[in-house]
Amino acid sequence: MTLLEVCVDDGAGLASAIAGGADRIELCSALEMGGLTPGPGLIAEAAQAPIPVRAMVRPRPGDFVVSNQDMAIMLGDISAIRAAGLSGVVLGASLPDGRLDVINLARLVEAAGPLHKTLHRAIDLVPDMAEAVEQAVALGFDTILTSGRADTAMAGLDEIALAHAVASGRITIMAGAGVNADNAATILDRVRLGALHGSCSAPAQADSAAAARLGFDSPLRKATSAEKVAAMKAAMRAAS
């Protein structure tokens, strides 16, 4: 059956995703910024999870064009993730024109060694999806997370289907961005993917009015819902 990966950015989200029946976790910080590298405490907590966890390696928000300083930080983060015992990493690097930065990606993949490796949505910036899939296979990734070069996976279904066809079983294509219980079956009816990715979240309630007033709480912050995880899992099961 299609694997369900849920992205989380705190301990409560980790627990909710597991309780709801997620098959795998993408561990991040600051999901409202698209997901950044999680801190060491959260990584240590996730290392105790009963399901596989892949940690995001993204040192800053914004584009995926990496500087020498970014690379040094990413290589250090990969080393820490390996030492913590997580199952994998989530990586990406782009050239200024959107093509994959295969030179720096090769360095990151080498540093990750035996860890499982997901190529994240940096692939959605590429001018040629088929070329990028071939590059990802050659680099040694086992999974590609993509919205099909569109704002949402539903809007990018044709490109997701193209990626899946080019992959031809050599790498798992995982649809993400706006994927939920309401559209999971539609996506899987269009293309029988090996994995779907979702946040399964709802807007988080501010814990402190004073903190919100002073700008310490993000209005875009969300909280993982075990019920939404379970609903998406059920929708995927029904579509299988």
C-alpha atoms as a PDB file:
ATOM      1  CA  MET A   1       0.000   0.000   0.000  1.00  0.00           C
ATOM      2  CA  THR A   2       1.063   3.606  -0.568  1.00  0.00           C
ATOM      3  CA  LEU A   3       3.187   4.940   2.307  1.00  0.00           C
ATOM      4  CA  LEU A   4       1.980   7.978   4.265  1.00  0.00           C
ATOM      5  CA  GLU A   5       4.694  10.413   5.332  1.00  0.00           C
ATOM      6  CA  VAL A   6       3.662  13.192   7.716  1.00  0.00           C
ATOM      7  CA  CYS A   7       5.801  16.294   8.237  1.00  0.00           C
ATOM      8  CA  VAL A   8       6.008  17.578  11.820  1.00  0.00           C
ATOM      9  CA  ASP A   9       7.977  20.293  13.581  1.00  0.00           C
ATOM     10  CA  ASP A  10       7.572  19.626  17.289  1.00  0.00           C
ATOM     11  CA  GLY A  11       7.221  16.843  19.842  1.00  0.00           C
ATOM     12  CA  ALA A  12       3.438  17.084  20.001  1.00  0.00           C
ATOM     13  CA  GLY A  13       3.238  16.766  16.219  1.00  0.00           C
ATOM     14  CA  LEU A  14       5.522  13.750  16.301  1.00  0.00           C
ATOM     15  CA  ALA A  15       3.281  12.022  18.841  1.00  0.00           C
ATOM     16  CA  SER A  16       0.100  12.920  16.931  1.00  0.00           C
ATOM     17  CA  ALA A  17       1.463  11.623  13.621  1.00  0.00           C
ATOM     18  CA  ILE A  18       2.427   8.319  15.198  1.00  0.00           C
ATOM     19  CA  ALA A  19      -0.931   8.014  17.000  1.00  0.00           C
ATOM     20  CA  GLY A  20      -2.800   8.697  13.756  1.00  0.00           C
ATOM     21  CA  GLY A  21      -1.019   5.912  11.885  1.00  0.00           C
ATOM     22  CA  ALA A  22       1.701   7.636   9.841  1.00  0.00           C
ATOM     23  CA  ASP A  23       4.139   5.249   8.195  1.00  0.00           C
ATOM     24  CA  ARG A  24       7.045   7.685   8.250  1.00  0.00           C
ATOM     25  CA  ILE A  25       7.926  11.106   9.633  1.00  0.00           C
ATOM     26  CA  GLU A  26       9.620  14.041   7.948  1.00  0.00           C
ATOM     27  CA  LEU A  27      11.108  15.907  10.905  1.00  0.00           C
ATOM     28  CA  CYS A  28      11.515  19.672  10.562  1.00  0.00           C
ATOM     29  CA  SER A  29      11.438  22.919  12.427  1.00  0.00           C
ATOM     30  CA  ALA A  30       9.369  25.939  11.331  1.00  0.00           C
ATOM     31  CA  LEU A  31       6.984  24.275   8.912  1.00  0.00           C
ATOM     32  CA  GLU A  32       5.373  27.665   8.317  1.00  0.00           C
ATOM     33  CA  MET A  33       8.628  28.516   6.483  1.00  0.00           C
ATOM     34  CA  GLY A  34       8.528  25.355   4.424  1.00  0.00           C
ATOM     35  CA  GLY A  35      10.503  23.309   6.948  1.00  0.00           C
ATOM     36  CA  LEU A  36      14.001  23.872   8.308  1.00  0.00           C
ATOM     37  CA  THR A  37      16.533  21.616  10.026  1.00  0.00           C
ATOM     38  CA  PRO A  38      15.193  20.398  13.390  1.00  0.00           C
ATOM     39  CA  GLY A  39      17.119  21.045  16.596  1.00  0.00           C
ATOM     40  CA  PRO A  40      19.127  18.381  18.449  1.00  0.00           C
ATOM     41  CA  GLY A  41      16.530  17.892  21.185  1.00  0.00           C
ATOM     42  CA  LEU A  42      13.745  17.143  18.710  1.00  0.00           C
ATOM     43  CA  ILE A  43      16.070  14.874  16.732  1.00  0.00           C
ATOM     44  CA  ALA A  44      16.870  12.927  19.908  1.00  0.00           C
ATOM     45  CA  GLU A  45      13.170  12.594  20.718  1.00  0.00           C
ATOM     46  CA  ALA A  46      12.394  11.411  17.173  1.00  0.00           C
ATOM     47  CA  ALA A  47      15.161   8.808  17.353  1.00  0.00           C
ATOM     48  CA  GLN A  48      12.946   6.950  19.847  1.00  0.00           C
ATOM     49  CA  ALA A  49       9.979   6.834  17.451  1.00  0.00           C
ATOM     50  CA  PRO A  50       8.590   3.410  16.473  1.00  0.00           C
ATOM     51  CA  ILE A  51       8.445   4.402  12.782  1.00  0.00           C
ATOM     52  CA  PRO A  52      11.178   5.668  10.423  1.00  0.00           C
ATOM     53  CA  VAL A  53      12.110   9.346  10.650  1.00  0.00           C
ATOM     54  CA  ARG A  54      13.867  11.414   7.986  1.00  0.00           C
ATOM     55  CA  ALA A  55      15.182  14.805   9.049  1.00  0.00           C
ATOM     56  CA  MET A  56      15.094  17.920   6.900  1.00  0.00           C
ATOM     57  CA  VAL A  57      18.510  19.422   6.157  1.00  0.00           C
ATOM     58  CA  ARG A  58      17.792  23.049   5.299  1.00  0.00           C
ATOM     59  CA  PRO A  59      19.662  25.681   7.306  1.00  0.00           C
ATOM     60  CA  ARG A  60      17.629  28.730   6.295  1.00  0.00           C
ATOM     61  CA  PRO A  61      14.355  29.771   4.664  1.00  0.00           C
ATOM     62  CA  GLY A  62      14.230  31.070   1.093  1.00  0.00           C
ATOM     63  CA  ASP A  63      15.693  29.530  -2.019  1.00  0.00           C
ATOM     64  CA  PHE A  64      17.791  26.379  -2.275  1.00  0.00           C
ATOM     65  CA  VAL A  65      20.936  27.961  -3.754  1.00  0.00           C
ATOM     66  CA  VAL A  66      23.590  26.953  -1.236  1.00  0.00           C
ATOM     67  CA  SER A  67      26.646  29.001  -0.339  1.00  0.00           C
ATOM     68  CA  ASN A  68      29.894  27.591   1.047  1.00  0.00           C
ATOM     69  CA  GLN A  69      28.629  28.508   4.523  1.00  0.00           C
ATOM     70  CA  ASP A  70      25.321  26.742   3.881  1.00  0.00           C
ATOM     71  CA  MET A  71      27.173  23.621   2.758  1.00  0.00           C
ATOM     72  CA  ALA A  72      29.355  23.579   5.863  1.00  0.00           C
ATOM     73  CA  ILE A  73      26.259  23.804   8.062  1.00  0.00           C
ATOM     74  CA  MET A  74      24.385  21.141   6.087  1.00  0.00           C
ATOM     75  CA  LEU A  75      27.307  18.734   6.257  1.00  0.00           C
ATOM     76  CA  GLY A  76      27.494  19.264  10.015  1.00  0.00           C
ATOM     77  CA  ASP A  77      23.748  18.684  10.359  1.00  0.00           C
ATOM     78  CA  ILE A  78      23.954  15.457   8.361  1.00  0.00           C
ATOM     79  CA  SER A  79      26.728  14.233  10.648  1.00  0.00           C
ATOM     80  CA  ALA A  80      24.581  14.956  13.718  1.00  0.00           C
ATOM     81  CA  ILE A  81      21.526  13.235  12.185  1.00  0.00           C
ATOM     82  CA  ARG A  82      23.600  10.136  11.406  1.00  0.00           C
ATOM     83  CA  ALA A  83      24.981  10.085  14.935  1.00  0.00           C
ATOM     84  CA  ALA A  84      21.465  10.363  16.403  1.00  0.00           C
ATOM     85  CA  GLY A  85      20.341   7.237  14.560  1.00  0.00           C
ATOM     86  CA  LEU A  86      17.526   8.588  12.379  1.00  0.00           C
ATOM     87  CA  SER A  87      16.705   6.586   9.270  1.00  0.00           C
ATOM     88  CA  GLY A  88      17.251   9.280   6.673  1.00  0.00           C
ATOM     89  CA  VAL A  89      17.652  12.844   5.515  1.00  0.00           C
ATOM     90  CA  VAL A  90      15.729  15.205   3.256  1.00  0.00           C
ATOM     91  CA  LEU A  91      17.988  17.229   0.963  1.00  0.00           C
ATOM     92  CA  GLY A  92      17.917  19.720  -1.872  1.00  0.00           C
ATOM     93  CA  ALA A  93      20.153  22.223  -3.651  1.00  0.00           C
ATOM     94  CA  SER A  94      19.514  24.355  -6.724  1.00  0.00           C
ATOM     95  CA  LEU A  95      21.463  26.363  -9.233  1.00  0.00           C
ATOM     96  CA  PRO A  96      20.298  29.965  -9.734  1.00  0.00           C
ATOM     97  CA  ASP A  97      18.348  28.945 -12.858  1.00  0.00           C
ATOM     98  CA  GLY A  98      16.435  26.270 -10.923  1.00  0.00           C
ATOM     99  CA  ARG A  99      18.294  23.207 -12.195  1.00  0.00           C
ATOM    100  CA  LEU A 100      19.515  20.773  -9.556  1.00  0.00           C
ATOM    101  CA  ASP A 101      22.954  21.590  -8.149  1.00  0.00           C
ATOM    102  CA  VAL A 102      24.295  18.100  -8.781  1.00  0.00           C
ATOM    103  CA  ILE A 103      27.818  18.919  -7.553  1.00  0.00           C
ATOM    104  CA  ASN A 104      26.724  20.025  -4.094  1.00  0.00           C
ATOM    105  CA  LEU A 105      24.004  17.375  -3.958  1.00  0.00           C
ATOM    106  CA  ALA A 106      26.638  14.718  -4.611  1.00  0.00           C
ATOM    107  CA  ARG A 107      28.629  16.006  -1.619  1.00  0.00           C
ATOM    108  CA  LEU A 108      25.548  15.905   0.605  1.00  0.00           C
ATOM    109  CA  VAL A 109      24.562  12.428  -0.551  1.00  0.00           C
ATOM    110  CA  GLU A 110      28.085  11.164   0.091  1.00  0.00           C
ATOM    111  CA  ALA A 111      28.018  12.647   3.605  1.00  0.00           C
ATOM    112  CA  ALA A 112      24.682  10.931   4.285  1.00  0.00           C
ATOM    113  CA  GLY A 113      26.254   7.561   3.526  1.00  0.00           C
ATOM    114  CA  PRO A 114      23.878   4.674   4.338  1.00  0.00           C
ATOM    115  CA  LEU A 115      20.970   6.908   5.369  1.00  0.00           C
ATOM    116  CA  HIS A 116      17.845   6.928   3.221  1.00  0.00           C
ATOM    117  CA  LYS A 117      17.633  10.079   1.127  1.00  0.00           C
ATOM    118  CA  THR A 118      14.688  12.170  -0.072  1.00  0.00           C
ATOM    119  CA  LEU A 119      15.164  14.914  -2.659  1.00  0.00           C
ATOM    120  CA  HIS A 120      12.835  17.670  -1.499  1.00  0.00           C
ATOM    121  CA  ARG A 121      10.818  20.216  -3.437  1.00  0.00           C
ATOM    122  CA  ALA A 122      13.877  21.928  -4.859  1.00  0.00           C
ATOM    123  CA  ILE A 123      12.915  19.668  -7.765  1.00  0.00           C
ATOM    124  CA  ASP A 124       9.794  21.780  -8.287  1.00  0.00           C
ATOM    125  CA  LEU A 125      12.006  24.652  -9.485  1.00  0.00           C
ATOM    126  CA  VAL A 126      13.610  22.694 -12.319  1.00  0.00           C
ATOM    127  CA  PRO A 127      12.899  23.514 -15.974  1.00  0.00           C
ATOM    128  CA  ASP A 128      12.846  19.824 -16.994  1.00  0.00           C
ATOM    129  CA  MET A 129      11.278  17.267 -14.651  1.00  0.00           C
ATOM    130  CA  ALA A 130      12.401  14.224 -16.619  1.00  0.00           C
ATOM    131  CA  GLU A 131      16.028  15.353 -16.560  1.00  0.00           C
ATOM    132  CA  ALA A 132      15.829  16.051 -12.817  1.00  0.00           C
ATOM    133  CA  VAL A 133      14.419  12.602 -12.062  1.00  0.00           C
ATOM    134  CA  GLU A 134      17.289  10.985 -13.943  1.00  0.00           C
ATOM    135  CA  GLN A 135      19.756  13.127 -11.993  1.00  0.00           C
ATOM    136  CA  ALA A 136      18.155  12.155  -8.688  1.00  0.00           C
ATOM    137  CA  VAL A 137      18.420   8.464  -9.574  1.00  0.00           C
ATOM    138  CA  ALA A 138      22.075   8.855 -10.563  1.00  0.00           C
ATOM    139  CA  LEU A 139      22.861  10.721  -7.337  1.00  0.00           C
ATOM    140  CA  GLY A 140      21.504   7.903  -5.204  1.00  0.00           C
ATOM    141  CA  PHE A 141      18.250   9.314  -3.810  1.00  0.00           C
ATOM    142  CA  ASP A 142      15.528   6.755  -3.070  1.00  0.00           C
ATOM    143  CA  THR A 143      12.600   9.215  -2.916  1.00  0.00           C
ATOM    144  CA  ILE A 144      11.543  12.471  -4.602  1.00  0.00           C
ATOM    145  CA  LEU A 145       9.031  14.776  -2.904  1.00  0.00           C
ATOM    146  CA  THR A 146       7.263  16.884  -5.526  1.00  0.00           C
ATOM    147  CA  SER A 147       4.170  18.927  -6.245  1.00  0.00           C
ATOM    148  CA  GLY A 148       4.799  18.523  -9.964  1.00  0.00           C
ATOM    149  CA  ARG A 149       6.362  21.998 -10.316  1.00  0.00           C
ATOM    150  CA  ALA A 150       3.057  23.570  -9.240  1.00  0.00           C
ATOM    151  CA  ASP A 151       1.708  25.250  -6.122  1.00  0.00           C
ATOM    152  CA  THR A 152      -0.118  22.087  -5.125  1.00  0.00           C
ATOM    153  CA  ALA A 153       0.112  18.425  -6.027  1.00  0.00           C
ATOM    154  CA  MET A 154      -3.405  18.503  -7.464  1.00  0.00           C
ATOM    155  CA  ALA A 155      -2.386  21.268  -9.862  1.00  0.00           C
ATOM    156  CA  GLY A 156       0.808  19.415 -10.777  1.00  0.00           C
ATOM    157  CA  LEU A 157      -0.634  15.944 -11.344  1.00  0.00           C
ATOM    158  CA  ASP A 158       0.491  15.738 -14.968  1.00  0.00           C
ATOM    159  CA  GLU A 159       4.108  16.447 -14.022  1.00  0.00           C
ATOM    160  CA  ILE A 160       3.886  14.047 -11.075  1.00  0.00           C
ATOM    161  CA  ALA A 161       2.661  11.380 -13.470  1.00  0.00           C
ATOM    162  CA  LEU A 162       5.561  12.190 -15.795  1.00  0.00           C
ATOM    163  CA  ALA A 163       8.045  11.877 -12.924  1.00  0.00           C
ATOM    164  CA  HIS A 164       6.531   8.532 -11.943  1.00  0.00           C
ATOM    165  CA  ALA A 165       6.783   7.256 -15.511  1.00  0.00           C
ATOM    166  CA  VAL A 166      10.401   8.363 -15.869  1.00  0.00           C
ATOM    167  CA  ALA A 167      11.259   6.860 -12.478  1.00  0.00           C
ATOM    168  CA  SER A 168      10.022   3.471 -13.707  1.00  0.00           C
ATOM    169  CA  GLY A 169      10.426   1.864 -10.293  1.00  0.00           C
ATOM    170  CA  ARG A 170      13.990   3.089  -9.761  1.00  0.00           C
ATOM    171  CA  ILE A 171      13.003   5.799  -7.273  1.00  0.00           C
ATOM    172  CA  THR A 172       9.804   6.519  -5.317  1.00  0.00           C
ATOM    173  CA  ILE A 173       7.828   9.570  -6.388  1.00  0.00           C
ATOM    174  CA  MET A 174       6.004  11.089  -3.390  1.00  0.00           C
ATOM    175  CA  ALA A 175       3.346  13.738  -3.982  1.00  0.00           C
ATOM    176  CA  GLY A 176       3.183  16.604  -1.515  1.00  0.00           C
ATOM    177  CA  ALA A 177       1.739  20.135  -1.108  1.00  0.00           C
ATOM    178  CA  GLY A 178      -1.930  20.356  -0.271  1.00  0.00           C
ATOM    179  CA  VAL A 179      -2.350  16.581  -0.089  1.00  0.00           C
ATOM    180  CA  ASN A 180      -5.032  15.499   2.382  1.00  0.00           C
ATOM    181  CA  ALA A 181      -7.840  13.027   3.019  1.00  0.00           C
ATOM    182  CA  ASP A 182     -10.106  14.798   0.548  1.00  0.00           C
ATOM    183  CA  ASN A 183      -7.828  14.447  -2.485  1.00  0.00           C
ATOM    184  CA  ALA A 184      -5.571  11.477  -1.704  1.00  0.00           C
ATOM    185  CA  ALA A 185      -7.799   9.048  -3.612  1.00  0.00           C
ATOM    186  CA  THR A 186      -7.972  11.376  -6.623  1.00  0.00           C
ATOM    187  CA  ILE A 187      -4.184  11.561  -6.762  1.00  0.00           C
ATOM    188  CA  LEU A 188      -3.763   7.804  -6.427  1.00  0.00           C
ATOM    189  CA  ASP A 189      -6.458   7.120  -9.033  1.00  0.00           C
ATOM    190  CA  ARG A 190      -4.506   9.306 -11.470  1.00  0.00           C
ATOM    191  CA  VAL A 191      -1.092   7.782 -10.695  1.00  0.00           C
ATOM    192  CA  ARG A 192      -0.334   4.873  -8.393  1.00  0.00           C
ATOM    193  CA  LEU A 193       2.445   6.469  -6.327  1.00  0.00           C
ATOM    194  CA  GLY A 194       4.559   4.740  -3.724  1.00  0.00           C
ATOM    195  CA  ALA A 195       4.089   7.516  -1.158  1.00  0.00           C
ATOM    196  CA  LEU A 196       2.040  10.584  -0.256  1.00  0.00           C
ATOM    197  CA  HIS A 197       3.225  13.433   1.969  1.00  0.00           C
ATOM    198  CA  GLY A 198       1.064  15.718   4.075  1.00  0.00           C
ATOM    199  CA  SER A 199       1.076  17.896   7.156  1.00  0.00           C
ATOM    200  CA  CYS A 200      -2.351  16.663   8.313  1.00  0.00           C
ATOM    201  CA  SER A 201      -2.575  19.818  10.378  1.00  0.00           C
ATOM    202  CA  ALA A 202      -4.918  22.541  11.557  1.00  0.00           C
ATOM    203  CA  PRO A 203      -4.150  26.135  12.593  1.00  0.00           C
ATOM    204  CA  ALA A 204      -2.507  26.123  16.009  1.00  0.00           C
ATOM    205  CA  GLN A 205      -4.093  28.019  18.855  1.00  0.00           C
ATOM    206  CA  ALA A 206      -1.923  30.658  20.508  1.00  0.00           C
ATOM    207  CA  ASP A 207      -0.957  29.437  23.964  1.00  0.00           C
ATOM    208  CA  SER A 208      -0.384  32.925  25.286  1.00  0.00           C
ATOM    209  CA  ALA A 209      -2.153  36.125  24.321  1.00  0.00           C
ATOM    210  CA  ALA A 210       0.797  38.124  25.625  1.00  0.00           C
ATOM    211  CA  ALA A 211       3.269  36.145  23.500  1.00  0.00           C
ATOM    212  CA  ALA A 212       1.103  36.641  20.432  1.00  0.00           C
ATOM    213  CA  ARG A 213       0.786  40.366  21.155  1.00  0.00           C
ATOM    214  CA  LEU A 214       4.575  40.715  21.282  1.00  0.00           C
ATOM    215  CA  GLY A 215       5.076  38.789  18.046  1.00  0.00           C
ATOM    216  CA  PHE A 216       6.509  35.596  19.560  1.00  0.00           C
ATOM    217  CA  ASP A 217       3.818  33.402  17.998  1.00  0.00           C
ATOM    218  CA  SER A 218       3.508  32.868  14.247  1.00  0.00           C
ATOM    219  CA  PRO A 219      -0.005  33.321  12.819  1.00  0.00           C
ATOM    220  CA  LEU A 220       0.870  30.651  10.247  1.00  0.00           C
ATOM    221  CA  ARG A 221       1.833  28.008  12.820  1.00  0.00           C
ATOM    222  CA  LYS A 222      -0.101  24.745  12.567  1.00  0.00           C
ATOM    223  CA  ALA A 223      -0.518  21.684  14.752  1.00  0.00           C
ATOM    224  CA  THR A 224      -0.518  18.083  13.553  1.00  0.00           C
ATOM    225  CA  SER A 225      -3.895  16.381  14.001  1.00  0.00           C
ATOM    226  CA  ALA A 226      -3.953  12.661  14.776  1.00  0.00           C
ATOM    227  CA  GLU A 227      -7.523  12.588  13.445  1.00  0.00           C
ATOM    228  CA  LYS A 228      -6.440  14.096  10.119  1.00  0.00           C
ATOM    229  CA  VAL A 229      -3.561  11.616   9.868  1.00  0.00           C
ATOM    230  CA  ALA A 230      -5.988   8.750  10.466  1.00  0.00           C
ATOM    231  CA  ALA A 231      -8.452  10.146   7.913  1.00  0.00           C
ATOM    232  CA  MET A 232      -5.781  10.461   5.248  1.00  0.00           C
ATOM    233  CA  LYS A 233      -4.537   6.958   5.981  1.00  0.00           C
ATOM    234  CA  ALA A 234      -8.099   5.643   5.636  1.00  0.00           C
ATOM    235  CA  ALA A 235      -8.587   7.473   2.329  1.00  0.00           C
ATOM    236  CA  MET A 236      -5.357   5.980   0.996  1.00  0.00           C
ATOM    237  CA  ARG A 237      -6.359   2.513   2.163  1.00  0.00           C
ATOM    238  CA  ALA A 238      -9.721   2.828   0.430  1.00  0.00           C
ATOM    239  CA  ALA A 239      -7.982   3.831  -2.802  1.00  0.00           C
ATOM    240  CA  SER A 240      -5.599   0.854  -2.748  1.00  0.00           C
END
